[in-house]
N, C-alpha and C. Protein backbone atom coordinates (compact mmCIF):
# COMPACT_ATOMS: atom_id res chain seq x y z
N MET A 1 0.86 -1.17 0.00
CA MET A 1 0.00 0.00 0.00
C MET A 1 0.90 1.24 0.00
N ASP A 2 0.56 2.19 -0.86
CA ASP A 2 1.41 3.38 -0.96
C ASP A 2 1.14 4.35 0.20
N THR A 3 2.02 5.32 0.34
CA THR A 3 1.96 6.27 1.44
C THR A 3 0.69 7.11 1.41
N THR A 4 0.25 7.52 0.22
CA THR A 4 -0.97 8.33 0.10
C THR A 4 -2.18 7.56 0.58
N THR A 5 -2.30 6.30 0.17
CA THR A 5 -3.42 5.48 0.59
C THR A 5 -3.39 5.27 2.10
N ARG A 6 -2.22 4.97 2.62
CA ARG A 6 -2.07 4.75 4.07
C ARG A 6 -2.47 6.00 4.84
N SER A 7 -2.06 7.17 4.36
CA SER A 7 -2.39 8.44 5.02
C SER A 7 -3.89 8.71 4.98
N ALA A 8 -4.51 8.43 3.83
CA ALA A 8 -5.96 8.65 3.71
C ALA A 8 -6.73 7.73 4.64
N LEU A 9 -6.32 6.48 4.75
CA LEU A 9 -7.00 5.55 5.66
C LEU A 9 -6.84 5.99 7.11
N ARG A 10 -5.66 6.46 7.45
CA ARG A 10 -5.40 6.94 8.82
C ARG A 10 -6.23 8.19 9.12
N ALA A 11 -6.29 9.12 8.16
CA ALA A 11 -7.02 10.38 8.37
C ALA A 11 -8.52 10.14 8.56
N THR A 12 -9.06 9.12 7.93
CA THR A 12 -10.49 8.84 8.06
C THR A 12 -10.83 7.86 9.18
N GLY A 13 -9.81 7.27 9.76
CA GLY A 13 -10.03 6.28 10.81
C GLY A 13 -10.32 4.89 10.26
N LEU A 14 -10.31 4.75 8.95
CA LEU A 14 -10.60 3.45 8.36
C LEU A 14 -9.49 2.44 8.62
N ASP A 15 -8.28 2.91 8.86
CA ASP A 15 -7.20 1.97 9.15
C ASP A 15 -7.52 1.14 10.39
N ARG A 16 -8.08 1.77 11.43
CA ARG A 16 -8.43 1.04 12.65
C ARG A 16 -9.58 0.06 12.41
N ALA A 17 -10.58 0.50 11.65
CA ALA A 17 -11.71 -0.39 11.35
C ALA A 17 -11.24 -1.59 10.54
N MET A 18 -10.34 -1.35 9.59
CA MET A 18 -9.86 -2.43 8.73
C MET A 18 -8.98 -3.42 9.50
N GLN A 19 -8.36 -2.96 10.57
CA GLN A 19 -7.55 -3.87 11.39
C GLN A 19 -8.45 -4.79 12.21
N ARG A 20 -9.62 -4.33 12.58
CA ARG A 20 -10.54 -5.11 13.41
C ARG A 20 -11.27 -6.19 12.63
N CYS A 21 -11.62 -5.90 11.38
CA CYS A 21 -12.48 -6.81 10.64
C CYS A 21 -12.32 -6.59 9.14
N ASP A 22 -12.53 -7.65 8.38
CA ASP A 22 -12.51 -7.51 6.92
C ASP A 22 -13.84 -7.94 6.31
N GLY A 23 -14.88 -7.89 7.12
CA GLY A 23 -16.21 -8.25 6.65
C GLY A 23 -16.48 -9.73 6.81
N HIS A 24 -17.63 -10.17 6.30
CA HIS A 24 -18.03 -11.57 6.38
C HIS A 24 -18.93 -11.88 5.20
N PRO A 25 -18.79 -13.07 4.61
CA PRO A 25 -19.60 -13.42 3.44
C PRO A 25 -21.11 -13.40 3.68
N SER A 26 -21.53 -13.46 4.92
CA SER A 26 -22.97 -13.40 5.21
C SER A 26 -23.53 -11.98 5.10
N ILE A 27 -22.65 -11.00 4.96
CA ILE A 27 -23.07 -9.60 4.86
C ILE A 27 -23.05 -9.19 3.39
N GLY A 28 -24.19 -8.73 2.90
CA GLY A 28 -24.28 -8.24 1.53
C GLY A 28 -24.34 -6.72 1.52
N ILE A 29 -23.60 -6.12 0.61
CA ILE A 29 -23.58 -4.67 0.48
C ILE A 29 -24.15 -4.33 -0.89
N GLY A 30 -25.23 -3.56 -0.90
CA GLY A 30 -25.86 -3.19 -2.15
C GLY A 30 -25.21 -1.97 -2.78
N ILE A 31 -24.99 -2.05 -4.07
CA ILE A 31 -24.45 -0.92 -4.84
C ILE A 31 -25.44 -0.60 -5.94
N LEU A 32 -26.08 0.56 -5.84
CA LEU A 32 -26.97 1.05 -6.89
C LEU A 32 -26.19 2.12 -7.64
N ASP A 33 -25.61 1.75 -8.76
CA ASP A 33 -24.70 2.62 -9.50
C ASP A 33 -24.67 2.11 -10.92
N GLY A 34 -23.53 2.20 -11.58
CA GLY A 34 -23.38 1.65 -12.91
C GLY A 34 -22.94 0.20 -12.83
N PRO A 35 -22.65 -0.40 -13.99
CA PRO A 35 -22.12 -1.77 -13.98
C PRO A 35 -20.71 -1.78 -13.39
N VAL A 36 -20.33 -2.88 -12.78
CA VAL A 36 -19.00 -3.03 -12.21
C VAL A 36 -18.15 -3.83 -13.19
N ALA A 37 -16.99 -3.31 -13.54
CA ALA A 37 -16.11 -3.95 -14.51
C ALA A 37 -15.34 -5.11 -13.89
N ALA A 38 -14.89 -5.99 -14.77
CA ALA A 38 -14.00 -7.06 -14.33
C ALA A 38 -12.70 -6.44 -13.83
N HIS A 39 -12.24 -6.87 -12.67
CA HIS A 39 -11.00 -6.34 -12.10
C HIS A 39 -10.42 -7.42 -11.19
N PRO A 40 -9.12 -7.69 -11.27
CA PRO A 40 -8.54 -8.75 -10.45
C PRO A 40 -8.72 -8.54 -8.95
N ALA A 41 -8.81 -7.31 -8.50
CA ALA A 41 -8.98 -7.05 -7.07
C ALA A 41 -10.39 -7.38 -6.59
N LEU A 42 -11.33 -7.52 -7.52
CA LEU A 42 -12.72 -7.81 -7.15
C LEU A 42 -13.10 -9.27 -7.36
N GLY A 43 -12.29 -10.02 -8.08
CA GLY A 43 -12.60 -11.42 -8.32
C GLY A 43 -13.84 -11.59 -9.18
N ASP A 44 -14.27 -12.81 -9.39
CA ASP A 44 -15.49 -13.16 -10.11
C ASP A 44 -15.63 -12.41 -11.44
N PRO A 45 -14.62 -12.46 -12.31
CA PRO A 45 -14.69 -11.68 -13.55
C PRO A 45 -15.79 -12.12 -14.50
N GLY A 46 -16.29 -13.32 -14.38
CA GLY A 46 -17.32 -13.80 -15.29
C GLY A 46 -18.63 -13.04 -15.19
N ARG A 47 -18.92 -12.44 -14.07
CA ARG A 47 -20.18 -11.74 -13.89
C ARG A 47 -20.02 -10.24 -13.89
N ARG A 48 -18.93 -9.75 -14.39
CA ARG A 48 -18.67 -8.31 -14.39
C ARG A 48 -18.80 -7.74 -15.80
N SER A 49 -19.04 -6.46 -15.87
CA SER A 49 -19.16 -5.75 -17.15
C SER A 49 -17.81 -5.71 -17.85
N GLN A 50 -17.85 -5.73 -19.17
CA GLN A 50 -16.63 -5.61 -19.96
C GLN A 50 -16.50 -4.20 -20.55
N THR A 51 -17.40 -3.29 -20.20
CA THR A 51 -17.36 -1.93 -20.74
C THR A 51 -16.46 -1.05 -19.89
N THR A 52 -16.12 0.13 -20.43
CA THR A 52 -15.23 1.04 -19.71
C THR A 52 -15.72 2.48 -19.74
N GLY A 53 -17.02 2.68 -19.87
CA GLY A 53 -17.57 4.03 -19.90
C GLY A 53 -17.62 4.65 -18.52
N PRO A 54 -18.10 5.90 -18.40
CA PRO A 54 -18.07 6.63 -17.13
C PRO A 54 -18.87 5.98 -16.01
N ALA A 55 -20.03 5.41 -16.32
CA ALA A 55 -20.83 4.76 -15.26
C ALA A 55 -20.10 3.53 -14.73
N THR A 56 -19.49 2.77 -15.62
CA THR A 56 -18.75 1.58 -15.20
C THR A 56 -17.50 1.95 -14.41
N VAL A 57 -16.79 2.96 -14.84
CA VAL A 57 -15.59 3.40 -14.12
C VAL A 57 -15.95 3.81 -12.70
N HIS A 58 -17.02 4.60 -12.56
CA HIS A 58 -17.42 5.06 -11.23
C HIS A 58 -17.87 3.90 -10.35
N ALA A 59 -18.72 3.04 -10.87
CA ALA A 59 -19.22 1.91 -10.07
C ALA A 59 -18.10 0.97 -9.68
N THR A 60 -17.13 0.76 -10.56
CA THR A 60 -16.00 -0.11 -10.25
C THR A 60 -15.14 0.51 -9.14
N MET A 61 -14.98 1.83 -9.16
CA MET A 61 -14.24 2.51 -8.11
C MET A 61 -14.96 2.34 -6.76
N VAL A 62 -16.26 2.50 -6.75
CA VAL A 62 -17.04 2.33 -5.51
C VAL A 62 -16.92 0.89 -5.01
N ALA A 63 -17.08 -0.07 -5.92
CA ALA A 63 -16.97 -1.49 -5.53
C ALA A 63 -15.58 -1.78 -4.97
N GLY A 64 -14.55 -1.21 -5.59
CA GLY A 64 -13.19 -1.42 -5.10
C GLY A 64 -12.96 -0.85 -3.72
N ALA A 65 -13.50 0.34 -3.47
CA ALA A 65 -13.35 0.96 -2.15
C ALA A 65 -13.98 0.07 -1.07
N LEU A 66 -15.03 -0.62 -1.43
CA LEU A 66 -15.71 -1.49 -0.48
C LEU A 66 -15.08 -2.87 -0.39
N ALA A 67 -14.80 -3.49 -1.54
CA ALA A 67 -14.51 -4.92 -1.51
C ALA A 67 -13.25 -5.38 -2.21
N ALA A 68 -12.36 -4.48 -2.61
CA ALA A 68 -11.11 -4.93 -3.24
C ALA A 68 -10.30 -5.74 -2.24
N THR A 69 -9.63 -6.75 -2.73
CA THR A 69 -8.81 -7.56 -1.84
C THR A 69 -7.71 -6.70 -1.22
N ARG A 70 -7.30 -7.05 -0.07
CA ARG A 70 -6.35 -6.22 0.68
C ARG A 70 -4.94 -6.24 0.09
N GLY A 71 -4.62 -7.16 -0.79
CA GLY A 71 -3.28 -7.22 -1.36
C GLY A 71 -3.05 -6.26 -2.51
N HIS A 72 -4.07 -5.55 -2.94
CA HIS A 72 -3.94 -4.61 -4.06
C HIS A 72 -3.61 -3.21 -3.53
N GLY A 73 -3.26 -2.30 -4.43
CA GLY A 73 -2.83 -0.96 -4.07
C GLY A 73 -3.82 -0.17 -3.25
N ALA A 74 -5.11 -0.29 -3.55
CA ALA A 74 -6.15 0.41 -2.79
C ALA A 74 -7.03 -0.65 -2.16
N PRO A 75 -6.76 -1.02 -0.92
CA PRO A 75 -7.49 -2.11 -0.29
C PRO A 75 -8.94 -1.74 0.02
N GLY A 76 -9.82 -2.73 -0.08
CA GLY A 76 -11.23 -2.52 0.24
C GLY A 76 -11.46 -2.50 1.74
N ILE A 77 -12.51 -1.84 2.14
CA ILE A 77 -12.87 -1.75 3.55
C ILE A 77 -13.34 -3.10 4.08
N CYS A 78 -14.11 -3.82 3.28
CA CYS A 78 -14.68 -5.10 3.75
C CYS A 78 -14.65 -6.13 2.62
N PRO A 79 -13.47 -6.63 2.26
CA PRO A 79 -13.34 -7.51 1.10
C PRO A 79 -14.03 -8.86 1.21
N ARG A 80 -14.36 -9.30 2.39
CA ARG A 80 -15.03 -10.60 2.52
C ARG A 80 -16.55 -10.49 2.39
N CYS A 81 -17.08 -9.28 2.39
CA CYS A 81 -18.53 -9.11 2.22
C CYS A 81 -18.91 -9.36 0.76
N ARG A 82 -20.16 -9.74 0.55
CA ARG A 82 -20.67 -9.95 -0.81
C ARG A 82 -21.17 -8.63 -1.36
N LEU A 83 -20.86 -8.36 -2.62
CA LEU A 83 -21.40 -7.18 -3.30
C LEU A 83 -22.67 -7.59 -4.04
N ILE A 84 -23.69 -6.80 -3.89
CA ILE A 84 -24.94 -7.00 -4.62
C ILE A 84 -25.08 -5.78 -5.53
N VAL A 85 -24.70 -5.94 -6.78
CA VAL A 85 -24.63 -4.82 -7.72
C VAL A 85 -25.90 -4.78 -8.55
N ARG A 86 -26.57 -3.65 -8.52
CA ARG A 86 -27.75 -3.42 -9.34
C ARG A 86 -27.52 -2.14 -10.13
N PRO A 87 -27.05 -2.27 -11.38
CA PRO A 87 -26.79 -1.08 -12.20
C PRO A 87 -28.08 -0.32 -12.50
N ILE A 88 -28.08 0.96 -12.19
CA ILE A 88 -29.21 1.83 -12.53
C ILE A 88 -28.76 2.92 -13.49
N PHE A 89 -27.46 3.05 -13.71
CA PHE A 89 -26.91 4.01 -14.67
C PHE A 89 -26.17 3.22 -15.74
N ARG A 90 -26.21 3.73 -16.96
CA ARG A 90 -25.51 3.07 -18.06
C ARG A 90 -24.48 4.01 -18.65
N ASP A 91 -23.53 3.43 -19.33
CA ASP A 91 -22.44 4.22 -19.91
C ASP A 91 -22.90 5.15 -21.02
N ASP A 92 -24.06 4.90 -21.60
CA ASP A 92 -24.56 5.79 -22.66
C ASP A 92 -25.33 6.98 -22.09
N GLY A 93 -25.35 7.11 -20.76
CA GLY A 93 -26.03 8.25 -20.12
C GLY A 93 -27.49 8.00 -19.84
N SER A 94 -28.03 6.88 -20.30
CA SER A 94 -29.43 6.59 -20.03
C SER A 94 -29.55 5.81 -18.72
N GLY A 95 -30.76 5.53 -18.34
CA GLY A 95 -30.97 4.79 -17.10
C GLY A 95 -31.70 5.59 -16.04
N ARG A 96 -32.01 6.86 -16.35
CA ARG A 96 -32.77 7.69 -15.40
C ARG A 96 -33.84 8.45 -16.17
N ASP A 97 -34.95 8.69 -15.52
CA ASP A 97 -35.92 9.57 -16.13
C ASP A 97 -35.74 10.96 -15.53
N GLY A 98 -36.57 11.92 -15.87
CA GLY A 98 -36.39 13.29 -15.41
C GLY A 98 -36.45 13.45 -13.90
N SER A 99 -37.07 12.52 -13.21
CA SER A 99 -37.20 12.62 -11.75
C SER A 99 -35.96 12.13 -11.02
N GLY A 100 -35.02 11.54 -11.75
CA GLY A 100 -33.85 10.96 -11.09
C GLY A 100 -34.06 9.51 -10.70
N ARG A 101 -35.28 8.99 -10.94
CA ARG A 101 -35.55 7.58 -10.63
C ARG A 101 -35.08 6.70 -11.78
N PRO A 102 -34.60 5.49 -11.48
CA PRO A 102 -34.22 4.59 -12.56
C PRO A 102 -35.43 4.21 -13.41
N ARG A 103 -35.21 3.96 -14.66
CA ARG A 103 -36.30 3.51 -15.54
C ARG A 103 -36.55 2.05 -15.35
């Protein structure tokens, strides 16, 4: 882990939380965002998006912050928890109506 990441975790107090626990597979974390891309830090590449548009980039960053394995450069807060990804935004900018609700 690089110095910047270590400093950010310390400044937010996440370093202490991450030392206590790394989550549990019985805990599911819902992500309502874009599709999550295949990434080695997230595992399970068969069920991940192969696109690289803005919605996918953002959702993959969020998923990584939560569940990336601890051996990668930006470790996840709770890598043993299950991610439940429900894309409501798409890379083509669609996926919302004027009210902000998903279609």
